[in-house]
PDB file of N, CA and C in Angstrom:
ATOM      1  N   MET A   1       5.861  14.182 -18.467  1.00  0.00           N
ATOM      2  CA  MET A   1       6.644  12.969 -18.342  1.00  0.00           C
ATOM      3  C   MET A   1       6.990  12.680 -16.888  1.00  0.00           C
ATOM      4  N   GLY A   2       7.430  13.666 -16.123  1.00  0.00           N
ATOM      5  CA  GLY A   2       7.826  13.473 -14.736  1.00  0.00           C
ATOM      6  C   GLY A   2       6.667  13.083 -13.844  1.00  0.00           C
ATOM      7  N   LEU A   3       5.506  13.690 -14.047  1.00  0.00           N
ATOM      8  CA  LEU A   3       4.330  13.383 -13.242  1.00  0.00           C
ATOM      9  C   LEU A   3       3.822  11.970 -13.528  1.00  0.00           C
ATOM     10  N   GLU A   4       3.892  11.559 -14.786  1.00  0.00           N
ATOM     11  CA  GLU A   4       3.473  10.203 -15.136  1.00  0.00           C
ATOM     12  C   GLU A   4       4.400   9.164 -14.516  1.00  0.00           C
ATOM     13  N   LEU A   5       5.692   9.453 -14.486  1.00  0.00           N
ATOM     14  CA  LEU A   5       6.652   8.535 -13.865  1.00  0.00           C
ATOM     15  C   LEU A   5       6.394   8.426 -12.370  1.00  0.00           C
ATOM     16  N   LEU A   6       6.177   9.549 -11.722  1.00  0.00           N
ATOM     17  CA  LEU A   6       5.875   9.551 -10.292  1.00  0.00           C
ATOM     18  C   LEU A   6       4.576   8.795 -10.016  1.00  0.00           C
ATOM     19  N   SER A   7       3.575   9.001 -10.837  1.00  0.00           N
ATOM     20  CA  SER A   7       2.302   8.305 -10.676  1.00  0.00           C
ATOM     21  C   SER A   7       2.458   6.802 -10.870  1.00  0.00           C
ATOM     22  N   THR A   8       3.287   6.407 -11.810  1.00  0.00           N
ATOM     23  CA  THR A   8       3.552   4.989 -12.034  1.00  0.00           C
ATOM     24  C   THR A   8       4.231   4.375 -10.816  1.00  0.00           C
ATOM     25  N   ILE A   9       5.175   5.081 -10.237  1.00  0.00           N
ATOM     26  CA  ILE A   9       5.848   4.608  -9.023  1.00  0.00           C
ATOM     27  C   ILE A   9       4.844   4.475  -7.883  1.00  0.00           C
ATOM     28  N   ILE A  10       3.943   5.421  -7.763  1.00  0.00           N
ATOM     29  CA  ILE A  10       2.921   5.366  -6.715  1.00  0.00           C
ATOM     30  C   ILE A  10       1.998   4.172  -6.923  1.00  0.00           C
ATOM     31  N   VAL A  11       1.614   3.885  -8.157  1.00  0.00           N
ATOM     32  CA  VAL A  11       0.762   2.729  -8.449  1.00  0.00           C
ATOM     33  C   VAL A  11       1.482   1.436  -8.077  1.00  0.00           C
ATOM     34  N   VAL A  12       2.740   1.318  -8.450  1.00  0.00           N
ATOM     35  CA  VAL A  12       3.509   0.110  -8.142  1.00  0.00           C
ATOM     36  C   VAL A  12       3.673  -0.038  -6.632  1.00  0.00           C
ATOM     37  N   TRP A  13       3.981   1.056  -5.951  1.00  0.00           N
ATOM     38  CA  TRP A  13       4.141   1.036  -4.505  1.00  0.00           C
ATOM     39  C   TRP A  13       2.823   0.623  -3.827  1.00  0.00           C
ATOM     40  N   GLY A  14       1.717   1.173  -4.303  1.00  0.00           N
ATOM     41  CA  GLY A  14       0.408   0.800  -3.770  1.00  0.00           C
ATOM     42  C   GLY A  14       0.100  -0.674  -4.001  1.00  0.00           C
ATOM     43  N   ALA A  15       0.486  -1.201  -5.163  1.00  0.00           N
ATOM     44  CA  ALA A  15       0.265  -2.619  -5.459  1.00  0.00           C
ATOM     45  C   ALA A  15       1.100  -3.503  -4.540  1.00  0.00           C
ATOM     46  N   ILE A  16       2.319  -3.093  -4.256  1.00  0.00           N
ATOM     47  CA  ILE A  16       3.171  -3.856  -3.334  1.00  0.00           C
ATOM     48  C   ILE A  16       2.572  -3.856  -1.937  1.00  0.00           C
ATOM     49  N   ILE A  17       2.093  -2.701  -1.492  1.00  0.00           N
ATOM     50  CA  ILE A  17       1.457  -2.610  -0.171  1.00  0.00           C
ATOM     51  C   ILE A  17       0.226  -3.506  -0.115  1.00  0.00           C
ATOM     52  N   LEU A  18      -0.621  -3.419  -1.125  1.00  0.00           N
ATOM     53  CA  LEU A  18      -1.842  -4.222  -1.151  1.00  0.00           C
ATOM     54  C   LEU A  18      -1.522  -5.714  -1.216  1.00  0.00           C
ATOM     55  N   PHE A  19      -0.618  -6.103  -2.086  1.00  0.00           N
ATOM     56  CA  PHE A  19      -0.240  -7.507  -2.242  1.00  0.00           C
ATOM     57  C   PHE A  19       0.398  -8.039  -0.957  1.00  0.00           C
ATOM     58  N   GLY A  20       1.298  -7.257  -0.372  1.00  0.00           N
ATOM     59  CA  GLY A  20       1.955  -7.671   0.870  1.00  0.00           C
ATOM     60  C   GLY A  20       0.995  -7.810   2.027  1.00  0.00           C
ATOM     61  N   THR A  21      -0.022  -6.964   2.070  1.00  0.00           N
ATOM     62  CA  THR A  21      -1.008  -7.017   3.145  1.00  0.00           C
ATOM     63  C   THR A  21      -1.981  -8.171   2.963  1.00  0.00           C
ATOM     64  N   VAL A  22      -2.502  -8.332   1.769  1.00  0.00           N
ATOM     65  CA  VAL A  22      -3.502  -9.372   1.522  1.00  0.00           C
ATOM     66  C   VAL A  22      -2.908 -10.762   1.746  1.00  0.00           C
ATOM     67  N   PHE A  23      -1.685 -10.973   1.271  1.00  0.00           N
ATOM     68  CA  PHE A  23      -1.074 -12.295   1.375  1.00  0.00           C
ATOM     69  C   PHE A  23      -0.136 -12.425   2.580  1.00  0.00           C
ATOM     70  N   LYS A  24      -0.056 -11.361   3.409  1.00  0.00           N
ATOM     71  CA  LYS A  24       0.759 -11.362   4.627  1.00  0.00           C
ATOM     72  C   LYS A  24       2.191 -11.839   4.350  1.00  0.00           C
ATOM     73  N   LEU A  25       2.793 -11.275   3.326  1.00  0.00           N
ATOM     74  CA  LEU A  25       4.150 -11.652   2.944  1.00  0.00           C
ATOM     75  C   LEU A  25       5.154 -11.114   3.947  1.00  0.00           C
ATOM     76  N   ASP A  26       6.132 -11.938   4.315  1.00  0.00           N
ATOM     77  CA  ASP A  26       7.095 -11.575   5.355  1.00  0.00           C
ATOM     78  C   ASP A  26       7.874 -10.304   5.041  1.00  0.00           C
ATOM     79  N   PHE A  27       8.261 -10.119   3.765  1.00  0.00           N
ATOM     80  CA  PHE A  27       9.059  -8.940   3.431  1.00  0.00           C
ATOM     81  C   PHE A  27       8.312  -7.640   3.718  1.00  0.00           C
ATOM     82  N   TYR A  28       7.014  -7.705   3.807  1.00  0.00           N
ATOM     83  CA  TYR A  28       6.217  -6.510   4.102  1.00  0.00           C
ATOM     84  C   TYR A  28       5.573  -6.598   5.482  1.00  0.00           C
ATOM     85  N   TRP A  29       4.868  -7.662   5.758  1.00  0.00           N
ATOM     86  CA  TRP A  29       4.027  -7.771   6.944  1.00  0.00           C
ATOM     87  C   TRP A  29       4.835  -7.869   8.234  1.00  0.00           C
ATOM     88  N   GLU A  30       6.077  -8.328   8.165  1.00  0.00           N
ATOM     89  CA  GLU A  30       6.893  -8.504   9.355  1.00  0.00           C
ATOM     90  C   GLU A  30       7.894  -7.372   9.580  1.00  0.00           C
ATOM     91  N   THR A  31       7.766  -6.286   8.842  1.00  0.00           N
ATOM     92  CA  THR A  31       8.671  -5.156   9.076  1.00  0.00           C
ATOM     93  C   THR A  31       8.299  -4.459  10.380  1.00  0.00           C
ATOM     94  N   GLU A  32       9.246  -3.717  10.913  1.00  0.00           N
ATOM     95  CA  GLU A  32       9.038  -3.056  12.201  1.00  0.00           C
ATOM     96  C   GLU A  32       7.866  -2.074  12.159  1.00  0.00           C
ATOM     97  N   ARG A  33       7.762  -1.332  11.093  1.00  0.00           N
ATOM     98  CA  ARG A  33       6.691  -0.338  10.967  1.00  0.00           C
ATOM     99  C   ARG A  33       5.308  -0.999  10.955  1.00  0.00           C
ATOM    100  N   ILE A  34       5.194  -2.094  10.219  1.00  0.00           N
ATOM    101  CA  ILE A  34       3.908  -2.793  10.138  1.00  0.00           C
ATOM    102  C   ILE A  34       3.591  -3.475  11.467  1.00  0.00           C
ATOM    103  N   GLN A  35       4.597  -4.058  12.100  1.00  0.00           N
ATOM    104  CA  GLN A  35       4.382  -4.680  13.407  1.00  0.00           C
ATOM    105  C   GLN A  35       3.904  -3.644  14.426  1.00  0.00           C
ATOM    106  N   HIS A  36       4.429  -2.435  14.317  1.00  0.00           N
ATOM    107  CA  HIS A  36       4.007  -1.356  15.216  1.00  0.00           C
ATOM    108  C   HIS A  36       2.532  -1.023  15.001  1.00  0.00           C
ATOM    109  N   SER A  37       2.100  -0.917  13.749  1.00  0.00           N
ATOM    110  CA  SER A  37       0.686  -0.611  13.486  1.00  0.00           C
ATOM    111  C   SER A  37      -0.202  -1.793  13.876  1.00  0.00           C
ATOM    112  N   ARG A  38       0.301  -3.021  13.730  1.00  0.00           N
ATOM    113  CA  ARG A  38      -0.474  -4.187  14.163  1.00  0.00           C
ATOM    114  C   ARG A  38      -0.646  -4.195  15.673  1.00  0.00           C
ATOM    115  N   LYS A  39       0.381  -3.754  16.372  1.00  0.00           N
ATOM    116  CA  LYS A  39       0.307  -3.672  17.834  1.00  0.00           C
ATOM    117  C   LYS A  39      -0.711  -2.614  18.264  1.00  0.00           C
ATOM    118  N   TRP A  40      -0.720  -1.482  17.574  1.00  0.00           N
ATOM    119  CA  TRP A  40      -1.618  -0.376  17.925  1.00  0.00           C
ATOM    120  C   TRP A  40      -3.071  -0.664  17.554  1.00  0.00           C
ATOM    121  N   PHE A  41      -3.284  -1.177  16.341  1.00  0.00           N
ATOM    122  CA  PHE A  41      -4.644  -1.316  15.816  1.00  0.00           C
ATOM    123  C   PHE A  41      -5.198  -2.728  15.873  1.00  0.00           C
ATOM    124  N   GLY A  42      -4.338  -3.712  16.069  1.00  0.00           N
ATOM    125  CA  GLY A  42      -4.766  -5.101  15.978  1.00  0.00           C
ATOM    126  C   GLY A  42      -4.548  -5.615  14.566  1.00  0.00           C
ATOM    127  N   GLU A  43      -4.486  -6.917  14.445  1.00  0.00           N
ATOM    128  CA  GLU A  43      -4.164  -7.558  13.166  1.00  0.00           C
ATOM    129  C   GLU A  43      -5.167  -7.190  12.068  1.00  0.00           C
ATOM    130  N   LYS A  44      -6.443  -7.320  12.362  1.00  0.00           N
ATOM    131  CA  LYS A  44      -7.480  -7.103  11.348  1.00  0.00           C
ATOM    132  C   LYS A  44      -7.576  -5.631  10.933  1.00  0.00           C
ATOM    133  N   ARG A  45      -7.577  -4.731  11.905  1.00  0.00           N
ATOM    134  CA  ARG A  45      -7.688  -3.299  11.573  1.00  0.00           C
ATOM    135  C   ARG A  45      -6.451  -2.798  10.840  1.00  0.00           C
ATOM    136  N   ALA A  46      -5.296  -3.304  11.216  1.00  0.00           N
ATOM    137  CA  ALA A  46      -4.070  -2.913  10.512  1.00  0.00           C
ATOM    138  C   ALA A  46      -4.124  -3.392   9.059  1.00  0.00           C
ATOM    139  N   ALA A  47      -4.643  -4.595   8.847  1.00  0.00           N
ATOM    140  CA  ALA A  47      -4.772  -5.111   7.479  1.00  0.00           C
ATOM    141  C   ALA A  47      -5.729  -4.243   6.662  1.00  0.00           C
ATOM    142  N   VAL A  48      -6.835  -3.848   7.271  1.00  0.00           N
ATOM    143  CA  VAL A  48      -7.797  -2.980   6.574  1.00  0.00           C
ATOM    144  C   VAL A  48      -7.165  -1.622   6.277  1.00  0.00           C
ATOM    145  N   LEU A  49      -6.447  -1.065   7.251  1.00  0.00           N
ATOM    146  CA  LEU A  49      -5.794   0.232   7.071  1.00  0.00           C
ATOM    147  C   LEU A  49      -4.778   0.179   5.931  1.00  0.00           C
ATOM    148  N   HIS A  50      -3.904  -0.802   5.951  1.00  0.00           N
ATOM    149  CA  HIS A  50      -2.862  -0.882   4.932  1.00  0.00           C
ATOM    150  C   HIS A  50      -3.436  -1.238   3.561  1.00  0.00           C
ATOM    151  N   SER A  51      -4.449  -2.070   3.521  1.00  0.00           N
ATOM    152  CA  SER A  51      -5.107  -2.368   2.243  1.00  0.00           C
ATOM    153  C   SER A  51      -5.751  -1.107   1.676  1.00  0.00           C
ATOM    154  N   SER A  52      -6.372  -0.321   2.540  1.00  0.00           N
ATOM    155  CA  SER A  52      -7.005   0.933   2.093  1.00  0.00           C
ATOM    156  C   SER A  52      -5.974   1.905   1.547  1.00  0.00           C
ATOM    157  N   VAL A  53      -4.838   1.997   2.200  1.00  0.00           N
ATOM    158  CA  VAL A  53      -3.767   2.880   1.718  1.00  0.00           C
ATOM    159  C   VAL A  53      -3.274   2.411   0.354  1.00  0.00           C
ATOM    160  N   GLY A  54      -3.077   1.100   0.206  1.00  0.00           N
ATOM    161  CA  GLY A  54      -2.637   0.560  -1.081  1.00  0.00           C
ATOM    162  C   GLY A  54      -3.628   0.838  -2.191  1.00  0.00           C
ATOM    163  N   ILE A  55      -4.908   0.617  -1.912  1.00  0.00           N
ATOM    164  CA  ILE A  55      -5.953   0.878  -2.912  1.00  0.00           C
ATOM    165  C   ILE A  55      -6.010   2.359  -3.257  1.00  0.00           C
ATOM    166  N   LEU A  56      -5.919   3.219  -2.254  1.00  0.00           N
ATOM    167  CA  LEU A  56      -5.944   4.665  -2.491  1.00  0.00           C
ATOM    168  C   LEU A  56      -4.773   5.096  -3.373  1.00  0.00           C
ATOM    169  N   MET A  57      -3.592   4.557  -3.100  1.00  0.00           N
ATOM    170  CA  MET A  57      -2.423   4.909  -3.918  1.00  0.00           C
ATOM    171  C   MET A  57      -2.613   4.459  -5.360  1.00  0.00           C
ATOM    172  N   ILE A  58      -3.134   3.264  -5.550  1.00  0.00           N
ATOM    173  CA  ILE A  58      -3.365   2.759  -6.906  1.00  0.00           C
ATOM    174  C   ILE A  58      -4.382   3.630  -7.636  1.00  0.00           C
ATOM    175  N   VAL A  59      -5.474   3.949  -6.976  1.00  0.00           N
ATOM    176  CA  VAL A  59      -6.535   4.745  -7.605  1.00  0.00           C
ATOM    177  C   VAL A  59      -6.037   6.145  -7.946  1.00  0.00           C
ATOM    178  N   LEU A  60      -5.365   6.806  -7.006  1.00  0.00           N
ATOM    179  CA  LEU A  60      -4.878   8.167  -7.270  1.00  0.00           C
ATOM    180  C   LEU A  60      -3.812   8.176  -8.361  1.00  0.00           C
ATOM    181  N   GLY A  61      -2.917   7.184  -8.333  1.00  0.00           N
ATOM    182  CA  GLY A  61      -1.899   7.104  -9.377  1.00  0.00           C
ATOM    183  C   GLY A  61      -2.503   6.903 -10.754  1.00  0.00           C
ATOM    184  N   LEU A  62      -3.470   5.997 -10.847  1.00  0.00           N
ATOM    185  CA  LEU A  62      -4.136   5.767 -12.130  1.00  0.00           C
ATOM    186  C   LEU A  62      -4.947   6.977 -12.572  1.00  0.00           C
ATOM    187  N   TRP A  63      -5.533   7.666 -11.618  1.00  0.00           N
ATOM    188  CA  TRP A  63      -6.315   8.859 -11.949  1.00  0.00           C
ATOM    189  C   TRP A  63      -5.430   9.914 -12.599  1.00  0.00           C
ATOM    190  N   VAL A  64      -4.219  10.086 -12.068  1.00  0.00           N
ATOM    191  CA  VAL A  64      -3.300  11.071 -12.650  1.00  0.00           C
ATOM    192  C   VAL A  64      -2.806  10.591 -14.019  1.00  0.00           C
ATOM    193  N   ILE A  65      -2.485   9.308 -14.123  1.00  0.00           N
ATOM    194  CA  ILE A  65      -1.970   8.777 -15.387  1.00  0.00           C
ATOM    195  C   ILE A  65      -3.016   8.853 -16.497  1.00  0.00           C
ATOM    196  N   LEU A  66      -4.245   8.437 -16.165  1.00  0.00           N
ATOM    197  CA  LEU A  66      -5.290   8.365 -17.185  1.00  0.00           C
ATOM    198  C   LEU A  66      -6.045   9.666 -17.376  1.00  0.00           C
ATOM    199  N   GLY A  67      -5.909  10.531 -16.406  1.00  0.00           N
ATOM    200  CA  GLY A  67      -6.662  11.612 -16.441  1.00  0.00           C
ATOM    201  C   GLY A  67      -6.916  12.892 -16.706  1.00  0.00           C
TER     202      GLY A  67
END
């Protein structure tokens, strides 16, 4: 039960990261941490990095839940 709950939280968190990155939503894309990575990597690479992290979280969370 505890692992499934944690995995569900990870899936939701990954979806928020992916959604916030793809649509460049202010509540996510304009935070200090994201602005820092955009400064370091550039707008496009930061978007790819954060989208990849979101997808990875979703996949790993679903793998644990379904698996």
